[in-house]
Amino acid sequence: MRDRAVRALRGLVGAAVLAGLVVAPWAVDDYTVALLARTLALGLVAVGVALLTGVAGLPTLGQTAPYAAGAYTGAVVGGQLSDVGPVQLVVAAAAGAALAVATLPLVVPARGVVLLMITLAVGELAVVLAGRWTAVTGGTDGLAGIAPTRPLWGLPPLATDRARYLYTLVVVAVLAGLVLLVLRTRVGLLLRAGRDDEARLRAGGHRVSAHVAGVHVAAGAIAGAAGSLLVTAQQYVSPADFGFDTSALLLLGVVVGGTASVGGALVGAVLVVAARDWLFGALPGQAPLVLGLAFVAAAYLLPTARRPRRRPAAPAPGERPAAGTPRSTVPTGVGA
C-alpha cells in the first residue's frame, strides 16, 4: 500500500516537473532557462546511472568520467571540425563509450561496494586528468568561447538561451525515450534478471559478463552525449563540472526518482539540482550538509532506494515450487 502511494506521488510529481520543463522557456528569465538546460544535460547522465544502478544492479559513482570525455570531445569538435549538433552528439557519445570500454577490465568482474569504489576512482581520475591536460582541456581554467551549435545542417546557430534549452530538451527526451524502448525488449528483461539473481542467469547459459559490459558501454555513450549537451547549453566546460559533488548529486537524484526508473531518474536529478541551486542562495555554505542529510533520508525512507530482493532459488528436480513463489524472469531459449 505504501509502495503504491509512493509510486503515485512520484508519478504526479514527475508529470508536474515535465510539464514545467516544457513551459519553462516562456515562464522564467533567461538565467533560469540556461540553468535548466545544464540541469537537463545532467539529468541525461542520471538516466545512465539509473540504467546501471537500478536496472542492471551495478552501483556507480563514476559516470562523470564519460560525461567529461563527451563534453571535452564535443567542445573540440565544435571548435575545430563541425558546429552541427548531431555530429557533436555522435562523436561525444563515441568518446564516452570508448572510455567505458577502456574501464571494462575493472568494472566487469566487480560488484557491490567494490564496484562503487572503482567507479568513484575512475571519475576522480578523469577530473584530475582534465585539470592537467592543459593543451586539450584548458586545465583548471576550462575551455571558453565555444561556438554556438547548429541544431541541423543549414539551420542558424542556437544563439539564445531559449533555443539552446529547447534543443537540449528535445535531445534528452529522444534519448531517454530510446532507453525506455530498449528496456521493454528482451534486453531489459535480461538486465533485470541479472540484477535479481545473477547466479541463476549464469546457470541458464547466459553471458552475464557480456550483459554487464554492454550496459556499461551504453551508459558511457549516454553520458558522453550528455557532455555534448552541456557544452551546447553553457558554451564553456571545466573540471569543476565533473567533481565528486556532481557524482553524489546524480546518485541522489536517481534514489529520489526511483533507482529502477529511467524517467524518475531524470525528474529526480532535475529536482535535486534545482534544490541545490536554491539552497546555495537561501542557506549559504550549508547546501552540501542539507543535501547530505537528504541523501541519507532518501536511502532509508524511500522503498525503491533499498536493495532489490533476490528471487527464491529454483526448486529441486521433481519438487513443486512453494505457494506464492514468483516465476523466474530469466528468459529461456537464449544460450551462451
Protein backbone atom coordinates (compact mmCIF):
# COMPACT_ATOMS: atom_id res chain seq x y z
CA MET A 1 0.00 0.00 0.00
CA ARG A 2 2.77 2.39 0.97
CA ASP A 3 4.75 1.50 -2.16
CA ARG A 4 1.73 2.23 -4.36
CA ALA A 5 1.21 5.58 -2.67
CA VAL A 6 4.88 6.50 -3.16
CA ARG A 7 4.70 5.49 -6.85
CA ALA A 8 1.52 7.52 -7.34
CA LEU A 9 3.10 10.55 -5.67
CA ARG A 10 6.20 10.18 -7.83
CA GLY A 11 4.02 9.96 -10.92
CA LEU A 12 2.24 13.19 -10.06
CA VAL A 13 5.50 14.99 -9.25
CA GLY A 14 7.08 13.66 -12.45
CA ALA A 15 4.17 14.84 -14.59
CA ALA A 16 4.27 18.27 -12.96
CA VAL A 17 8.04 18.59 -13.47
CA LEU A 18 7.84 17.50 -17.12
CA ALA A 19 5.02 19.96 -17.79
CA GLY A 20 7.05 22.69 -16.11
CA LEU A 21 10.09 21.87 -18.27
CA VAL A 22 8.02 22.30 -21.43
CA VAL A 23 6.61 25.71 -20.49
CA ALA A 24 9.72 26.97 -18.65
CA PRO A 25 11.28 28.93 -21.57
CA TRP A 26 8.24 31.20 -21.69
CA ALA A 27 7.68 31.43 -17.92
CA VAL A 28 11.10 32.23 -16.40
CA ASP A 29 14.04 34.54 -17.08
CA ASP A 30 16.98 33.74 -19.35
CA TYR A 31 19.33 32.88 -16.49
CA THR A 32 16.94 30.24 -15.17
CA VAL A 33 16.43 28.85 -18.67
CA ALA A 34 20.19 28.47 -19.09
CA LEU A 35 20.41 26.78 -15.69
CA LEU A 36 17.63 24.37 -16.64
CA ALA A 37 19.41 23.47 -19.87
CA ARG A 38 22.52 22.45 -17.91
CA THR A 39 20.31 20.58 -15.46
CA LEU A 40 18.72 18.61 -18.30
CA ALA A 41 22.16 17.57 -19.52
CA LEU A 42 22.97 16.29 -16.04
CA GLY A 43 19.57 14.57 -15.96
CA LEU A 44 20.56 12.60 -19.05
CA VAL A 45 23.63 11.34 -17.17
CA ALA A 46 21.24 10.29 -14.39
CA VAL A 47 19.39 8.16 -16.95
CA GLY A 48 22.61 6.20 -17.46
CA VAL A 49 23.12 5.96 -13.70
CA ALA A 50 19.61 4.54 -13.30
CA LEU A 51 20.28 2.10 -16.14
CA LEU A 52 23.37 0.80 -14.34
CA THR A 53 22.34 1.09 -10.69
CA GLY A 54 18.63 0.32 -10.73
CA VAL A 55 18.05 -1.78 -13.83
CA ALA A 56 21.30 -3.75 -14.02
CA GLY A 57 22.18 -3.70 -10.31
CA LEU A 58 25.61 -2.12 -10.84
CA PRO A 59 26.00 0.85 -8.43
CA THR A 60 28.19 3.59 -9.83
CA LEU A 61 29.72 6.91 -8.86
CA GLY A 62 31.83 7.20 -11.99
CA GLN A 63 29.52 8.37 -14.76
CA THR A 64 31.11 11.80 -14.57
CA ALA A 65 34.13 10.27 -16.38
CA PRO A 66 32.37 9.57 -19.72
CA TYR A 67 30.38 12.76 -19.12
CA ALA A 68 33.65 14.70 -19.06
CA ALA A 69 35.02 12.80 -22.06
CA GLY A 70 31.93 13.66 -24.08
CA ALA A 71 31.98 17.30 -23.01
CA TYR A 72 35.60 17.94 -23.96
CA THR A 73 35.24 15.95 -27.17
CA GLY A 74 32.14 17.95 -28.09
CA ALA A 75 33.98 21.19 -27.34
CA VAL A 76 36.95 20.22 -29.52
CA VAL A 77 34.70 19.04 -32.37
CA GLY A 78 32.60 22.20 -32.13
CA GLY A 79 35.64 24.42 -32.25
CA GLN A 80 37.68 22.65 -34.93
CA LEU A 81 35.53 20.26 -37.00
CA SER A 82 31.79 20.90 -37.04
CA ASP A 83 29.27 23.11 -35.28
CA VAL A 84 26.36 20.78 -36.16
CA GLY A 85 24.68 19.32 -33.09
CA PRO A 86 24.11 15.73 -34.29
CA VAL A 87 27.77 15.45 -35.32
CA GLN A 88 28.90 16.62 -31.89
CA LEU A 89 26.45 14.27 -30.19
CA VAL A 90 27.62 11.21 -32.11
CA VAL A 91 31.33 11.92 -31.61
CA ALA A 92 30.85 12.76 -27.92
CA ALA A 93 28.79 9.58 -27.38
CA ALA A 94 31.56 7.59 -29.08
CA ALA A 95 34.13 9.18 -26.73
CA GLY A 96 32.04 8.28 -23.68
CA ALA A 97 31.60 4.72 -24.95
CA ALA A 98 35.34 4.42 -25.67
CA LEU A 99 36.20 5.45 -22.12
CA ALA A 100 33.69 2.91 -20.81
CA VAL A 101 35.32 0.21 -22.95
CA ALA A 102 38.73 1.13 -21.52
CA THR A 103 37.44 0.57 -17.98
CA LEU A 104 35.70 -2.76 -18.70
CA PRO A 105 38.52 -4.89 -17.21
CA LEU A 106 37.98 -3.07 -13.91
CA VAL A 107 34.19 -2.97 -13.95
CA VAL A 108 33.04 -6.34 -15.31
CA PRO A 109 34.41 -8.58 -12.51
CA ALA A 110 33.40 -6.22 -9.66
CA ARG A 111 30.11 -5.96 -7.81
CA GLY A 112 28.60 -4.06 -4.90
CA VAL A 113 30.75 -1.73 -2.81
CA VAL A 114 33.91 -2.75 -4.70
CA LEU A 115 32.33 -1.61 -7.96
CA LEU A 116 31.17 1.61 -6.32
CA MET A 117 34.72 2.42 -5.19
CA ILE A 118 36.23 1.52 -8.56
CA THR A 119 33.84 3.79 -10.44
CA LEU A 120 34.42 6.59 -7.92
CA ALA A 121 38.17 6.29 -8.52
CA VAL A 122 37.66 6.37 -12.30
CA GLY A 123 35.55 9.51 -12.01
CA GLU A 124 38.10 11.27 -9.80
CA LEU A 125 40.98 10.29 -12.12
CA ALA A 126 39.07 11.79 -15.04
CA VAL A 127 38.76 15.09 -13.16
CA VAL A 128 42.49 15.08 -12.36
CA LEU A 129 43.35 14.36 -16.00
CA ALA A 130 41.05 17.14 -17.20
CA GLY A 131 42.75 19.57 -14.85
CA ARG A 132 46.26 18.65 -16.01
CA TRP A 133 45.84 18.09 -19.75
CA THR A 134 46.04 21.80 -20.42
CA ALA A 135 46.73 21.54 -24.16
CA VAL A 136 43.34 19.91 -24.80
CA THR A 137 41.11 20.79 -21.85
CA GLY A 138 42.43 24.22 -20.90
CA GLY A 139 43.33 22.86 -17.46
CA THR A 140 41.52 24.20 -14.43
CA ASP A 141 40.63 27.36 -16.38
CA GLY A 142 38.50 25.28 -18.74
CA LEU A 143 37.52 25.94 -22.34
CA ALA A 144 35.56 29.14 -23.02
CA GLY A 145 34.21 30.88 -26.08
CA ILE A 146 32.91 27.70 -27.71
CA ALA A 147 30.99 28.47 -30.90
CA PRO A 148 27.17 28.11 -30.78
CA THR A 149 25.78 24.80 -32.01
CA ARG A 150 23.57 24.40 -35.07
CA PRO A 151 20.66 22.01 -34.43
CA LEU A 152 20.84 20.65 -38.01
CA TRP A 153 22.70 21.30 -41.23
CA GLY A 154 21.58 24.55 -42.89
CA LEU A 155 19.85 25.94 -39.79
CA PRO A 156 21.05 29.03 -37.91
CA PRO A 157 23.08 28.60 -34.69
CA LEU A 158 21.38 28.36 -31.32
CA ALA A 159 22.03 31.96 -30.36
CA THR A 160 19.65 32.37 -27.41
CA ASP A 161 19.22 30.63 -24.08
CA ARG A 162 15.70 29.59 -25.07
CA ALA A 163 16.87 28.00 -28.32
CA ARG A 164 19.68 26.09 -26.57
CA TYR A 165 17.25 24.92 -23.89
CA LEU A 166 14.67 23.65 -26.38
CA TYR A 167 17.37 21.82 -28.35
CA THR A 168 18.63 20.19 -25.14
CA LEU A 169 15.10 19.26 -24.07
CA VAL A 170 14.34 17.58 -27.41
CA VAL A 171 17.60 15.59 -27.43
CA VAL A 172 17.17 14.45 -23.82
CA ALA A 173 13.56 13.40 -24.50
CA VAL A 174 14.57 11.42 -27.59
CA LEU A 175 17.49 9.63 -25.93
CA ALA A 176 15.54 8.86 -22.74
CA GLY A 177 12.68 7.56 -24.89
CA LEU A 178 15.06 5.27 -26.77
CA VAL A 179 16.37 3.87 -23.49
CA LEU A 180 12.81 3.18 -22.32
CA LEU A 181 12.01 1.40 -25.59
CA VAL A 182 15.11 -0.80 -25.32
CA LEU A 183 14.26 -1.71 -21.73
CA ARG A 184 10.87 -3.00 -22.89
CA THR A 185 12.62 -5.60 -25.04
CA ARG A 186 14.42 -8.81 -24.11
CA VAL A 187 17.48 -6.73 -23.27
CA GLY A 188 15.72 -5.10 -20.35
CA LEU A 189 14.44 -8.45 -19.13
CA LEU A 190 17.95 -9.91 -19.14
CA LEU A 191 19.39 -6.93 -17.26
CA ARG A 192 16.73 -7.12 -14.56
CA ALA A 193 17.15 -10.88 -14.29
CA GLY A 194 20.89 -10.47 -13.76
CA ARG A 195 20.21 -7.86 -11.10
CA ASP A 196 17.76 -10.09 -9.23
CA ASP A 197 19.66 -13.40 -9.48
CA GLU A 198 22.93 -13.38 -11.36
CA ALA A 199 23.75 -16.98 -10.42
CA ARG A 200 20.51 -18.26 -11.93
CA LEU A 201 21.10 -16.28 -15.10
CA ARG A 202 24.56 -17.81 -15.45
CA ALA A 203 23.14 -21.26 -14.79
CA GLY A 204 20.70 -20.68 -17.63
CA GLY A 205 23.62 -20.32 -20.04
CA HIS A 206 23.57 -16.55 -20.42
CA ARG A 207 26.68 -14.44 -20.80
CA VAL A 208 26.33 -12.22 -17.77
CA SER A 209 29.73 -10.60 -18.33
CA ALA A 210 28.68 -9.60 -21.84
CA HIS A 211 25.46 -8.08 -20.47
CA VAL A 212 27.43 -6.09 -17.87
CA ALA A 213 29.90 -4.89 -20.50
CA GLY A 214 27.11 -3.89 -22.89
CA VAL A 215 25.12 -1.87 -20.38
CA HIS A 216 28.30 -0.21 -19.07
CA VAL A 217 29.30 0.91 -22.58
CA ALA A 218 25.73 2.05 -23.35
CA ALA A 219 25.63 4.15 -20.17
CA GLY A 220 29.01 5.62 -21.15
CA ALA A 221 27.63 6.62 -24.55
CA ILE A 222 24.61 8.26 -22.89
CA ALA A 223 26.87 10.21 -20.54
CA GLY A 224 29.08 11.25 -23.47
CA ALA A 225 26.08 12.61 -25.35
CA ALA A 226 25.06 14.49 -22.20
CA GLY A 227 28.52 16.06 -22.10
CA SER A 228 27.98 17.41 -25.60
CA LEU A 229 24.66 18.91 -24.47
CA LEU A 230 26.41 20.56 -21.50
CA VAL A 231 28.81 22.30 -23.88
CA THR A 232 25.92 23.36 -26.12
CA ALA A 233 24.00 24.75 -23.15
CA GLN A 234 26.74 26.76 -21.44
CA GLN A 235 29.41 27.15 -24.17
CA TYR A 236 32.02 26.53 -21.51
CA VAL A 237 33.43 23.45 -19.80
CA SER A 238 35.86 22.95 -16.92
CA PRO A 239 36.86 20.16 -14.49
CA ALA A 240 34.58 21.73 -11.86
CA ASP A 241 31.60 20.37 -13.81
CA PHE A 242 32.62 16.75 -13.11
CA GLY A 243 33.72 16.56 -9.47
CA PHE A 244 32.56 14.20 -6.73
CA ASP A 245 29.72 16.53 -5.77
CA THR A 246 28.27 16.02 -9.25
CA SER A 247 28.51 12.22 -8.86
CA ALA A 248 26.78 12.39 -5.48
CA LEU A 249 24.01 14.61 -6.85
CA LEU A 250 23.44 12.16 -9.69
CA LEU A 251 23.11 9.23 -7.34
CA LEU A 252 20.83 11.19 -5.02
CA GLY A 253 18.62 12.18 -7.96
CA VAL A 254 18.36 8.54 -9.03
CA VAL A 255 17.46 7.44 -5.50
CA VAL A 256 14.80 10.15 -5.18
CA GLY A 257 13.31 9.41 -8.59
CA GLY A 258 13.43 5.63 -8.20
CA THR A 259 16.55 3.59 -8.84
CA ALA A 260 14.93 1.41 -11.49
CA SER A 261 13.00 4.21 -13.18
CA VAL A 262 14.62 5.96 -16.15
CA GLY A 263 12.03 8.74 -16.23
CA GLY A 264 12.13 9.03 -12.45
CA ALA A 265 15.92 9.39 -12.51
CA LEU A 266 15.63 12.28 -14.97
CA VAL A 267 12.98 14.03 -12.88
CA GLY A 268 14.86 13.30 -9.64
CA ALA A 269 18.08 14.79 -11.00
CA VAL A 270 16.23 17.93 -12.11
CA LEU A 271 14.63 18.31 -8.68
CA VAL A 272 17.89 17.72 -6.79
CA VAL A 273 19.94 20.14 -8.89
CA ALA A 274 17.20 22.77 -8.66
CA ALA A 275 17.10 22.30 -4.87
CA ARG A 276 20.89 22.60 -4.68
CA ASP A 277 20.95 25.86 -6.60
CA TRP A 278 18.13 27.27 -4.48
CA LEU A 279 19.86 26.20 -1.26
CA PHE A 280 23.11 27.87 -2.27
CA GLY A 281 21.22 31.17 -2.25
CA ALA A 282 18.94 30.51 0.72
CA LEU A 283 21.49 28.79 3.00
CA PRO A 284 24.99 29.99 2.06
CA GLY A 285 27.60 27.38 2.96
CA GLN A 286 25.01 24.86 4.20
CA ALA A 287 23.80 23.38 0.91
CA PRO A 288 26.17 20.33 0.98
CA LEU A 289 25.06 19.48 4.54
CA VAL A 290 21.37 19.70 3.65
CA LEU A 291 21.83 17.59 0.51
CA GLY A 292 23.83 15.02 2.50
CA LEU A 293 21.01 14.70 5.03
CA ALA A 294 18.54 14.39 2.14
CA PHE A 295 20.66 11.56 0.69
CA VAL A 296 20.61 9.65 3.99
CA ALA A 297 16.87 10.20 4.41
CA ALA A 298 16.13 9.06 0.86
CA ALA A 299 18.23 5.92 1.26
CA TYR A 300 16.35 4.91 4.41
CA LEU A 301 12.82 6.11 3.70
CA LEU A 302 12.21 5.50 0.01
CA PRO A 303 11.38 1.87 -0.75
CA THR A 304 12.99 1.84 -4.20
CA ALA A 305 16.28 3.00 -2.72
CA ARG A 306 16.71 -0.30 -0.98
CA ARG A 307 18.47 -3.25 -2.49
CA PRO A 308 16.17 -5.38 -4.71
CA ARG A 309 15.10 -8.62 -3.11
CA ARG A 310 16.66 -11.77 -4.51
CA ARG A 311 14.28 -14.21 -6.10
CA PRO A 312 13.85 -17.58 -4.37
CA ALA A 313 16.14 -20.36 -5.54
CA ALA A 314 14.79 -22.76 -8.12
CA PRO A 315 13.14 -25.90 -6.65
CA ALA A 316 14.98 -29.19 -6.87
CA PRO A 317 14.02 -31.59 -9.71
CA GLY A 318 10.61 -33.08 -9.02
CA GLU A 319 9.87 -30.60 -6.25
CA ARG A 320 6.91 -28.28 -6.65
CA PRO A 321 7.51 -24.59 -6.00
CA ALA A 322 6.14 -23.20 -2.78
CA ALA A 323 2.85 -21.38 -2.89
CA GLY A 324 3.25 -17.75 -3.84
CA THR A 325 6.70 -18.24 -5.35
CA PRO A 326 7.02 -15.93 -8.36
CA ARG A 327 8.09 -17.31 -11.69
CA SER A 328 11.61 -16.57 -12.78
CA THR A 329 12.07 -13.59 -15.06
CA VAL A 330 15.14 -15.14 -16.63
CA PRO A 331 14.40 -15.59 -20.34
CA THR A 332 14.72 -19.08 -21.70
CA GLY A 333 15.89 -20.18 -25.08
CA VAL A 334 18.91 -17.87 -25.30
CA GLY A 335 22.08 -19.90 -24.95
CA ALA A 336 25.57 -18.88 -24.15
